[in-house]
Amino acid sequence: MGKLFGTDGIRGEANRPPLDGITAFRVGEAVTCFFKRENERVRVAIGRDTRISGSMLECALAAGVAAMGGTAGLFGVLSTPGVALLTREMGMNAGIVISASHNPYTDNGIKIFKGDGFKLSDKMENRIEGFLFEGIPTASTPAPNEMGQVEWVGDVLPRYRRFLRGCFPEGMTMSGIRVVLDTANGATYHTAPGLFSELGADVKTLHHHPDGTNINDHCGSQYIQDLQERVKTDGADAGFAFDGDGDRLIAVDETGREVTGDQILLICAKSLKDQGRLKNNRLVSTVMSNIGLTEGCQRLGIERYASKVGDRYVLADMMRLNAVAGGEESGHIILLDYHTTSDGMITAMHLIAAMIREKKPLSELADLMRVYPQRLINVPVSRKKEITAVPALSRAIEAIEAELGPRGRVLIRYSGTQNLCRVMVEGPDPEQTDQYARQLADVVESTLG
């Protein structure tokens, strides 16, 4: 992994390197230089979520693009999948999203899409990092008369909404379906409520008044308590919680129970299989997925492949294995027949379509999968040493794995975007699972904290 790019672009505290204005300007230059072709002006789309730091980074990136002779097309507030889509539809060379996803407003991030709407490969990110750390070749710097422009792009939201409406089955209506949406005060706040209303649903919306500092603030996909209460109070059929940039989804069934990303993935895979559209009967998820997903796939005759953590690694394996469905337990669900990246609104529409098609409540669809008790603890670390090179931690893992045997598992990995070590234990009993996770978290803290 490079010095700046993690599992999902560049991320960090806003207004501090590498998420300060100077670095963002240089990223704009580097991206434009990377995509530059002879006798062609590079066009770079830029979209952002609702964080207070977003407009500053937007201006800095756009200035960098223009300084390198490119045209920066500003989309304003738009979800990550919306930027990916319109980058492709509008014939842009690249798209940049300014967002730290589910992180608090104090953080921000930069992720980059190619002109075809797919994220960059590790190799491409390393090339861009080369420009950042070694400098732009002098010959690439344009003369004053060759500098680029910054333009506001109109018709962005209507175009994206038209695309989304086309992802819902033709001839089907959400009439009679009551939903509650939690937009996390993020990038879906001005798109999701109108979309589901247009499709016929009775919509109630939570956390849809962004002020620059309330994105993901005890709301959205990471904090679903408000959504659960509202679904039960309103007697809704389902609740959907998006994250700050709109690419992930966690659902709540009509009883107020959480429907996890793995359960959502299995519902979508079964629906595609029932329609004869699950290519090769194959599903891609990550090593973090619940054991219950593997069992559910086996029951349904679906082959499951375990990918590295990170939605772009899931996507890479999907394309390599010729699969059309994949995702993460965090709620990133990729349906390649519809989009090049995960889109929380598309995922929500497919859950509703499955409910209508099967004439079943969401709770019954979710029961396709047994969710084994799983405890995830994020431990702040000062260094990211190879796990196997920490003897005390290796011994603790080995001891707990021996006690769990085939009834559970341990997975410890570092976050690709934060200074955290993620300790995950899965087992048959909630209390025992929690106890083992806390034991390992204590060891991580004492050896790497």
Protein backbone atom coordinates (compact mmCIF):
# COMPACT_ATOMS: atom_id res chain seq x y z
CA MET A 1 0.00 0.00 0.00
CA GLY A 2 1.29 3.46 -0.84
CA LYS A 3 2.12 6.28 1.54
CA LEU A 4 -1.15 8.18 1.06
CA PHE A 5 -3.73 5.80 -0.41
CA GLY A 6 -5.46 3.34 1.91
CA THR A 7 -8.16 0.78 1.16
CA ASP A 8 -10.52 3.53 0.02
CA GLY A 9 -8.51 6.50 -1.23
CA ILE A 10 -6.80 9.11 0.92
CA ARG A 11 -8.31 9.77 4.32
CA GLY A 12 -7.45 11.74 7.45
CA GLU A 13 -8.28 14.71 9.63
CA ALA A 14 -9.59 17.68 7.64
CA ASN A 15 -7.30 20.70 7.25
CA ARG A 16 -4.27 18.60 8.26
CA PRO A 17 -1.95 16.83 5.79
CA PRO A 18 -2.83 14.96 3.67
CA LEU A 19 -6.36 16.45 3.78
CA ASP A 20 -5.23 20.07 3.73
CA GLY A 21 -5.67 22.53 0.86
CA ILE A 22 -2.05 22.37 -0.34
CA THR A 23 -2.05 18.57 -0.64
CA ALA A 24 -5.49 18.60 -2.30
CA PHE A 25 -4.19 21.10 -4.89
CA ARG A 26 -1.30 18.76 -5.63
CA VAL A 27 -3.64 15.77 -5.87
CA GLY A 28 -5.67 17.70 -8.47
CA GLU A 29 -2.48 18.35 -10.42
CA ALA A 30 -1.32 14.73 -10.13
CA VAL A 31 -4.66 13.23 -11.21
CA THR A 32 -4.80 15.55 -14.23
CA CYS A 33 -1.20 14.75 -15.18
CA PHE A 34 -1.89 11.00 -14.86
CA PHE A 35 -4.91 11.10 -17.18
CA LYS A 36 -3.40 13.57 -19.64
CA ARG A 37 -3.36 12.55 -23.31
CA GLU A 38 -1.73 14.36 -26.20
CA ASN A 39 -3.87 17.12 -27.73
CA GLU A 40 -6.74 16.39 -25.33
CA ARG A 41 -7.95 18.51 -22.43
CA VAL A 42 -8.51 16.35 -19.37
CA ARG A 43 -11.96 16.69 -17.78
CA VAL A 44 -12.24 15.81 -14.08
CA ALA A 45 -15.55 15.60 -12.21
CA ILE A 46 -15.52 16.62 -8.54
CA GLY A 47 -18.30 15.82 -6.07
CA ARG A 48 -18.49 15.93 -2.29
CA ASP A 49 -20.58 15.10 0.74
CA THR A 50 -21.89 17.64 3.25
CA ARG A 51 -18.83 18.09 5.52
CA ILE A 52 -17.85 21.65 6.34
CA SER A 53 -14.36 20.99 4.93
CA GLY A 54 -15.71 19.74 1.60
CA SER A 55 -15.98 23.07 -0.19
CA MET A 56 -12.40 24.03 0.75
CA LEU A 57 -11.03 20.76 -0.60
CA GLU A 58 -13.28 21.05 -3.67
CA CYS A 59 -11.75 24.45 -4.51
CA ALA A 60 -8.21 23.22 -3.91
CA LEU A 61 -8.65 20.12 -6.08
CA ALA A 62 -10.31 22.14 -8.85
CA ALA A 63 -7.46 24.68 -8.78
CA GLY A 64 -4.95 21.86 -9.15
CA VAL A 65 -6.83 20.41 -12.11
CA ALA A 66 -6.99 23.81 -13.84
CA ALA A 67 -3.33 24.57 -13.09
CA MET A 68 -2.38 21.39 -14.95
CA GLY A 69 -4.48 22.38 -17.98
CA GLY A 70 -7.58 20.33 -17.17
CA THR A 71 -11.24 21.27 -16.83
CA ALA A 72 -12.71 20.70 -13.37
CA GLY A 73 -16.45 19.99 -13.46
CA LEU A 74 -18.00 20.68 -10.07
CA PHE A 75 -20.99 18.49 -9.17
CA GLY A 76 -21.49 19.93 -5.68
CA VAL A 77 -23.04 17.64 -3.05
CA LEU A 78 -23.54 14.23 -4.63
CA SER A 79 -23.14 10.66 -3.42
CA THR A 80 -20.08 8.62 -4.32
CA PRO A 81 -22.04 6.34 -6.69
CA GLY A 82 -23.63 9.43 -8.24
CA VAL A 83 -20.19 10.86 -9.05
CA ALA A 84 -19.06 7.50 -10.46
CA LEU A 85 -22.13 7.27 -12.69
CA LEU A 86 -22.00 10.82 -14.08
CA THR A 87 -18.24 10.66 -14.59
CA ARG A 88 -18.94 7.84 -17.04
CA GLU A 89 -22.14 9.25 -18.56
CA MET A 90 -20.66 12.71 -19.17
CA GLY A 91 -17.48 11.37 -20.75
CA MET A 92 -15.14 12.68 -18.04
CA ASN A 93 -11.59 11.32 -17.84
CA ALA A 94 -11.78 10.92 -14.08
CA GLY A 95 -14.02 11.56 -11.09
CA ILE A 96 -13.00 12.66 -7.61
CA VAL A 97 -15.17 12.25 -4.50
CA ILE A 98 -14.44 14.31 -1.38
CA SER A 99 -15.76 12.24 1.52
CA ALA A 100 -14.71 10.24 4.57
CA SER A 101 -17.73 7.94 4.21
CA HIS A 102 -19.03 6.99 7.68
CA ASN A 103 -16.33 8.88 9.62
CA PRO A 104 -17.18 11.99 11.70
CA TYR A 105 -17.20 15.45 10.14
CA THR A 106 -13.72 16.20 11.47
CA ASP A 107 -12.31 13.75 8.92
CA ASN A 108 -12.42 13.90 5.15
CA GLY A 109 -11.10 11.93 2.23
CA ILE A 110 -10.37 11.84 -1.48
CA LYS A 111 -11.24 8.87 -3.68
CA ILE A 112 -10.77 8.68 -7.41
CA PHE A 113 -12.67 6.98 -10.24
CA LYS A 114 -11.55 6.33 -13.79
CA GLY A 115 -13.62 7.58 -16.70
CA ASP A 116 -15.48 4.26 -16.86
CA GLY A 117 -16.81 4.71 -13.32
CA PHE A 118 -14.54 2.13 -11.69
CA LYS A 119 -12.09 2.88 -8.87
CA LEU A 120 -8.36 3.03 -9.51
CA SER A 121 -6.14 -0.01 -9.14
CA ASP A 122 -3.26 -0.08 -6.64
CA LYS A 123 -0.87 0.38 -9.55
CA MET A 124 -2.65 3.52 -10.73
CA GLU A 125 -2.70 4.96 -7.22
CA ASN A 126 1.03 4.32 -6.92
CA ARG A 127 1.63 6.22 -10.17
CA ILE A 128 -0.32 9.20 -8.85
CA GLU A 129 1.63 9.03 -5.58
CA GLY A 130 4.79 9.13 -7.64
CA PHE A 131 3.74 12.53 -9.02
CA LEU A 132 2.95 13.71 -5.50
CA PHE A 133 6.22 12.66 -3.90
CA GLU A 134 8.62 13.04 -6.82
CA GLY A 135 7.00 16.04 -8.48
CA ILE A 136 5.21 16.72 -11.77
CA PRO A 137 7.58 16.56 -14.78
CA THR A 138 8.44 20.11 -15.81
CA ALA A 139 7.49 19.37 -19.40
CA SER A 140 3.93 18.55 -18.28
CA THR A 141 3.30 21.97 -16.72
CA PRO A 142 1.19 24.00 -19.17
CA ALA A 143 1.99 27.48 -20.40
CA PRO A 144 -0.26 30.34 -19.17
CA ASN A 145 -2.39 30.20 -22.33
CA GLU A 146 -2.95 26.44 -21.86
CA MET A 147 -4.31 26.53 -18.32
CA GLY A 148 -7.68 24.97 -17.67
CA GLN A 149 -11.03 26.10 -16.29
CA VAL A 150 -13.39 25.39 -13.41
CA GLU A 151 -17.05 24.92 -14.33
CA TRP A 152 -20.25 24.22 -12.41
CA VAL A 153 -22.06 21.25 -13.96
CA GLY A 154 -25.85 21.55 -14.12
CA ASP A 155 -28.55 18.86 -14.33
CA VAL A 156 -26.57 16.54 -12.03
CA LEU A 157 -29.32 15.50 -9.58
CA PRO A 158 -32.07 14.99 -12.20
CA ARG A 159 -29.75 12.80 -14.29
CA TYR A 160 -28.78 10.69 -11.32
CA ARG A 161 -32.41 10.32 -10.20
CA ARG A 162 -33.44 9.19 -13.71
CA PHE A 163 -30.75 6.54 -13.61
CA LEU A 164 -31.84 5.34 -10.17
CA ARG A 165 -35.51 5.09 -11.18
CA GLY A 166 -34.41 2.86 -14.05
CA CYS A 167 -32.84 0.43 -11.56
CA PHE A 168 -36.27 -0.46 -10.12
CA PRO A 169 -38.14 -3.21 -11.99
CA GLU A 170 -40.26 -1.82 -14.81
CA GLY A 171 -43.98 -2.06 -14.10
CA MET A 172 -43.47 -2.53 -10.36
CA THR A 173 -44.58 0.09 -7.84
CA MET A 174 -43.80 0.71 -4.19
CA SER A 175 -47.39 1.79 -3.59
CA GLY A 176 -48.50 0.62 -0.15
CA ILE A 177 -44.93 0.25 1.13
CA ARG A 178 -44.07 2.43 4.14
CA VAL A 179 -40.39 3.22 4.57
CA VAL A 180 -38.27 5.33 6.90
CA LEU A 181 -35.01 6.72 5.51
CA ASP A 182 -32.02 7.91 7.55
CA THR A 183 -29.79 9.94 5.23
CA ALA A 184 -27.09 10.54 7.90
CA ASN A 185 -27.19 14.29 7.15
CA GLY A 186 -25.05 13.27 4.21
CA ALA A 187 -24.94 13.14 0.45
CA THR A 188 -28.29 11.33 -0.03
CA TYR A 189 -30.36 13.88 1.89
CA HIS A 190 -31.67 15.61 -1.25
CA THR A 191 -31.96 12.50 -3.45
CA ALA A 192 -33.32 9.53 -1.50
CA PRO A 193 -36.62 10.92 -0.11
CA GLY A 194 -37.82 12.16 -3.50
CA LEU A 195 -36.69 9.00 -5.29
CA PHE A 196 -38.65 6.62 -3.07
CA SER A 197 -41.69 8.90 -3.11
CA GLU A 198 -41.62 8.97 -6.93
CA LEU A 199 -41.58 5.17 -6.93
CA GLY A 200 -44.79 5.16 -4.88
CA ALA A 201 -43.59 4.57 -1.32
CA ASP A 202 -44.95 6.34 1.74
CA VAL A 203 -41.71 7.96 2.97
CA LYS A 204 -40.65 9.37 6.34
CA THR A 205 -37.13 10.81 6.61
CA LEU A 206 -34.70 11.19 9.51
CA HIS A 207 -31.46 13.17 9.77
CA HIS A 208 -31.80 15.06 6.49
CA HIS A 209 -30.81 18.58 7.51
CA PRO A 210 -27.01 18.77 7.07
CA ASP A 211 -25.20 21.72 8.63
CA GLY A 212 -21.62 20.72 7.82
CA THR A 213 -20.89 19.24 11.23
CA ASN A 214 -23.73 16.76 11.85
CA ILE A 215 -22.92 14.21 9.12
CA ASN A 216 -22.93 10.69 10.65
CA ASP A 217 -23.49 12.25 14.09
CA HIS A 218 -25.28 9.39 15.90
CA CYS A 219 -27.21 8.66 12.73
CA GLY A 220 -26.89 6.77 9.46
CA SER A 221 -25.54 3.28 8.88
CA GLN A 222 -23.32 3.30 12.00
CA TYR A 223 -26.03 4.41 14.45
CA ILE A 224 -29.42 2.91 13.65
CA GLN A 225 -31.17 3.32 17.02
CA ASP A 226 -33.28 6.31 15.88
CA LEU A 227 -34.26 4.44 12.74
CA GLN A 228 -35.25 1.31 14.66
CA GLU A 229 -37.49 3.31 17.02
CA ARG A 230 -39.13 5.24 14.18
CA VAL A 231 -39.85 2.10 12.15
CA LYS A 232 -41.62 0.56 15.14
CA THR A 233 -43.46 3.78 16.08
CA ASP A 234 -44.69 4.41 12.51
CA GLY A 235 -45.48 0.77 11.76
CA ALA A 236 -43.25 0.97 8.68
CA ASP A 237 -42.42 -1.99 6.46
CA ALA A 238 -38.71 -1.22 6.45
CA GLY A 239 -36.07 1.34 7.39
CA PHE A 240 -32.94 2.19 5.44
CA ALA A 241 -29.84 3.89 6.83
CA PHE A 242 -27.25 5.30 4.43
CA ASP A 243 -23.74 6.42 5.29
CA GLY A 244 -22.31 9.90 4.68
CA ASP A 245 -21.46 9.38 1.01
CA GLY A 246 -24.36 7.08 0.15
CA ASP A 247 -22.54 3.98 -1.02
CA ARG A 248 -23.47 1.68 1.84
CA LEU A 249 -26.75 0.59 3.42
CA ILE A 250 -27.92 -1.04 6.63
CA ALA A 251 -31.60 -1.99 6.81
CA VAL A 252 -34.15 -2.41 9.60
CA ASP A 253 -37.06 -4.82 9.24
CA GLU A 254 -40.66 -4.14 10.28
CA THR A 255 -40.00 -5.36 13.83
CA GLY A 256 -37.13 -2.91 14.31
CA ARG A 257 -34.46 -5.59 13.98
CA GLU A 258 -31.22 -4.79 12.14
CA VAL A 259 -30.70 -6.48 8.79
CA THR A 260 -26.93 -6.72 8.36
CA GLY A 261 -24.91 -6.20 5.20
CA ASP A 262 -24.38 -9.96 4.92
CA GLN A 263 -28.12 -10.62 5.19
CA ILE A 264 -28.80 -7.95 2.58
CA LEU A 265 -26.22 -9.55 0.31
CA LEU A 266 -27.84 -12.98 0.61
CA ILE A 267 -31.33 -11.56 -0.05
CA CYS A 268 -30.08 -9.83 -3.20
CA ALA A 269 -28.18 -12.92 -4.37
CA LYS A 270 -31.22 -15.18 -3.89
CA SER A 271 -33.44 -12.70 -5.72
CA LEU A 272 -31.04 -12.63 -8.67
CA LYS A 273 -30.78 -16.44 -8.65
CA ASP A 274 -34.58 -16.80 -8.63
CA GLN A 275 -34.69 -14.56 -11.72
CA GLY A 276 -31.91 -16.55 -13.44
CA ARG A 277 -29.61 -13.52 -13.26
CA LEU A 278 -26.97 -14.60 -10.71
CA LYS A 279 -24.14 -15.25 -13.13
CA ASN A 280 -22.33 -18.54 -12.43
CA ASN A 281 -24.38 -18.83 -9.20
CA ARG A 282 -21.50 -16.96 -7.59
CA LEU A 283 -21.34 -14.41 -4.78
CA VAL A 284 -18.26 -12.50 -3.60
CA SER A 285 -17.97 -11.21 -0.03
CA THR A 286 -15.02 -10.62 2.30
CA VAL A 287 -13.16 -12.59 4.93
CA MET A 288 -15.08 -10.50 7.51
CA SER A 289 -18.45 -11.95 6.48
CA ASN A 290 -20.44 -13.89 9.06
CA ILE A 291 -20.26 -17.69 9.06
CA GLY A 292 -24.01 -17.61 8.54
CA LEU A 293 -23.53 -16.20 5.04
CA THR A 294 -21.49 -19.24 4.02
CA GLU A 295 -24.16 -21.56 5.44
CA GLY A 296 -26.95 -19.64 3.69
CA CYS A 297 -25.14 -19.79 0.36
CA GLN A 298 -24.60 -23.54 0.72
CA ARG A 299 -28.32 -24.03 1.41
CA LEU A 300 -29.29 -22.02 -1.68
CA GLY A 301 -26.76 -23.62 -3.98
CA ILE A 302 -24.71 -20.43 -4.33
CA GLU A 303 -20.93 -20.48 -4.48
CA ARG A 304 -19.34 -17.94 -2.11
CA TYR A 305 -15.86 -16.55 -2.64
CA ALA A 306 -14.05 -14.70 0.19
CA SER A 307 -12.20 -11.54 -0.89
CA LYS A 308 -9.85 -9.15 0.89
CA VAL A 309 -11.54 -6.40 2.92
CA GLY A 310 -12.36 -3.31 0.85
CA ASP A 311 -15.12 -2.85 -1.73
CA ARG A 312 -12.64 -2.32 -4.58
CA TYR A 313 -11.02 -5.69 -3.81
CA VAL A 314 -14.46 -7.28 -3.81
CA LEU A 315 -15.10 -5.65 -7.18
CA ALA A 316 -11.76 -6.83 -8.60
CA ASP A 317 -12.58 -10.42 -7.61
CA MET A 318 -16.11 -10.10 -8.99
CA MET A 319 -14.74 -9.09 -12.38
CA ARG A 320 -12.03 -11.77 -12.30
CA LEU A 321 -14.56 -14.47 -11.36
CA ASN A 322 -17.33 -13.18 -13.67
CA ALA A 323 -19.74 -12.53 -10.80
CA VAL A 324 -22.48 -9.87 -10.74
CA ALA A 325 -23.16 -9.70 -6.98
CA GLY A 326 -20.77 -8.97 -4.17
CA GLY A 327 -20.26 -6.85 -1.11
CA GLU A 328 -19.20 -6.37 2.47
CA GLU A 329 -20.86 -6.92 5.83
CA SER A 330 -20.56 -3.15 6.34
CA GLY A 331 -23.31 -2.63 3.76
CA HIS A 332 -21.35 -2.05 0.55
CA ILE A 333 -23.39 -4.07 -1.96
CA ILE A 334 -22.19 -4.16 -5.58
CA LEU A 335 -24.70 -5.20 -8.26
CA LEU A 336 -22.70 -5.03 -11.47
CA ASP A 337 -25.70 -5.35 -13.76
CA TYR A 338 -26.72 -1.90 -12.49
CA HIS A 339 -23.64 0.04 -11.42
CA THR A 340 -19.85 -0.04 -11.29
CA THR A 341 -19.78 0.59 -7.56
CA SER A 342 -21.94 0.12 -4.48
CA ASP A 343 -25.00 2.36 -4.18
CA GLY A 344 -27.11 2.32 -1.01
CA MET A 345 -30.23 3.53 -2.82
CA ILE A 346 -30.00 0.80 -5.45
CA THR A 347 -29.57 -1.78 -2.69
CA ALA A 348 -32.63 -0.48 -0.83
CA MET A 349 -34.71 -0.62 -4.02
CA HIS A 350 -33.69 -4.25 -4.57
CA LEU A 351 -34.71 -5.19 -1.04
CA ILE A 352 -38.14 -3.63 -1.58
CA ALA A 353 -38.44 -5.35 -4.97
CA ALA A 354 -37.66 -8.70 -3.30
CA MET A 355 -40.34 -8.05 -0.65
CA ILE A 356 -42.91 -7.25 -3.34
CA ARG A 357 -41.90 -10.12 -5.63
CA GLU A 358 -41.96 -12.75 -2.87
CA LYS A 359 -44.88 -11.19 -0.97
CA LYS A 360 -42.90 -11.51 2.27
CA PRO A 361 -41.93 -9.03 4.98
CA LEU A 362 -38.29 -8.05 5.27
CA SER A 363 -37.94 -10.01 8.54
CA GLU A 364 -38.81 -13.26 6.75
CA LEU A 365 -36.38 -12.54 3.92
CA ALA A 366 -33.62 -11.77 6.46
CA ASP A 367 -34.20 -15.12 8.16
CA LEU A 368 -32.60 -16.77 5.13
CA MET A 369 -29.40 -16.35 7.11
CA ARG A 370 -28.59 -17.17 10.71
CA VAL A 371 -26.37 -14.42 12.13
CA TYR A 372 -23.74 -15.92 14.40
CA PRO A 373 -22.70 -13.76 17.39
CA GLN A 374 -19.87 -11.54 16.27
CA ARG A 375 -17.94 -8.94 18.28
CA LEU A 376 -15.82 -6.31 16.58
CA ILE A 377 -13.61 -4.00 18.66
CA ASN A 378 -11.61 -1.17 17.13
CA VAL A 379 -8.41 -0.59 19.09
CA PRO A 380 -6.36 2.59 18.49
CA VAL A 381 -2.72 1.72 17.70
CA SER A 382 0.46 3.75 17.41
CA ARG A 383 2.06 1.36 14.91
CA LYS A 384 0.93 -1.30 12.47
CA LYS A 385 3.37 -4.12 13.02
CA GLU A 386 2.81 -7.47 11.27
CA ILE A 387 0.40 -9.41 13.51
CA THR A 388 2.50 -12.59 13.34
CA ALA A 389 5.52 -10.57 14.51
CA VAL A 390 3.84 -9.78 17.87
CA PRO A 391 4.45 -12.96 19.94
CA ALA A 392 2.04 -12.15 22.79
CA LEU A 393 -0.79 -11.47 20.31
CA SER A 394 -0.03 -14.56 18.24
CA ARG A 395 -0.16 -16.74 21.38
CA ALA A 396 -3.47 -15.19 22.47
CA ILE A 397 -5.03 -15.75 19.03
CA GLU A 398 -3.85 -19.36 18.96
CA ALA A 399 -5.28 -20.08 22.41
CA ILE A 400 -8.72 -18.64 21.62
CA GLU A 401 -8.89 -20.34 18.22
CA ALA A 402 -8.16 -23.65 19.96
CA GLU A 403 -11.02 -23.05 22.43
CA LEU A 404 -13.47 -22.06 19.67
CA GLY A 405 -12.54 -24.90 17.34
CA PRO A 406 -14.94 -25.25 14.38
CA ARG A 407 -17.64 -23.27 16.25
CA GLY A 408 -16.08 -19.87 15.55
CA ARG A 409 -13.11 -17.89 14.33
CA VAL A 410 -10.79 -14.96 15.02
CA LEU A 411 -9.82 -12.28 12.53
CA ILE A 412 -7.48 -9.41 13.36
CA ARG A 413 -6.55 -6.78 10.79
CA TYR A 414 -5.56 -3.14 10.58
CA SER A 415 -7.88 -0.47 9.21
CA GLY A 416 -6.76 0.77 5.82
CA THR A 417 -7.99 4.31 6.54
CA GLN A 418 -7.41 4.88 10.28
CA ASN A 419 -4.82 4.05 12.97
CA LEU A 420 -6.95 1.21 14.27
CA CYS A 421 -6.60 -2.52 14.71
CA ARG A 422 -9.88 -4.33 14.17
CA VAL A 423 -10.37 -7.32 16.45
CA MET A 424 -13.19 -9.61 15.35
CA VAL A 425 -14.32 -12.79 17.09
CA GLU A 426 -17.20 -14.97 15.94
CA GLY A 427 -18.64 -17.75 18.06
CA PRO A 428 -21.75 -19.67 19.08
CA ASP A 429 -22.39 -17.77 22.32
CA PRO A 430 -22.70 -13.94 22.63
CA GLU A 431 -21.14 -13.67 26.10
CA GLN A 432 -18.21 -15.95 25.29
CA THR A 433 -17.64 -14.19 21.96
CA ASP A 434 -17.57 -10.81 23.69
CA GLN A 435 -15.18 -12.10 26.36
CA TYR A 436 -12.72 -13.46 23.80
CA ALA A 437 -12.83 -10.24 21.77
CA ARG A 438 -12.10 -8.14 24.86
CA GLN A 439 -9.18 -10.39 25.82
CA LEU A 440 -7.62 -9.95 22.39
CA ALA A 441 -8.32 -6.21 22.34
CA ASP A 442 -6.47 -5.87 25.66
CA VAL A 443 -3.45 -7.66 24.20
CA VAL A 444 -3.51 -5.43 21.11
CA GLU A 445 -3.68 -2.32 23.30
CA SER A 446 -0.78 -3.43 25.50
CA THR A 447 1.48 -4.42 22.59
CA LEU A 448 0.59 -1.96 19.83
CA GLY A 449 -1.26 0.93 21.51
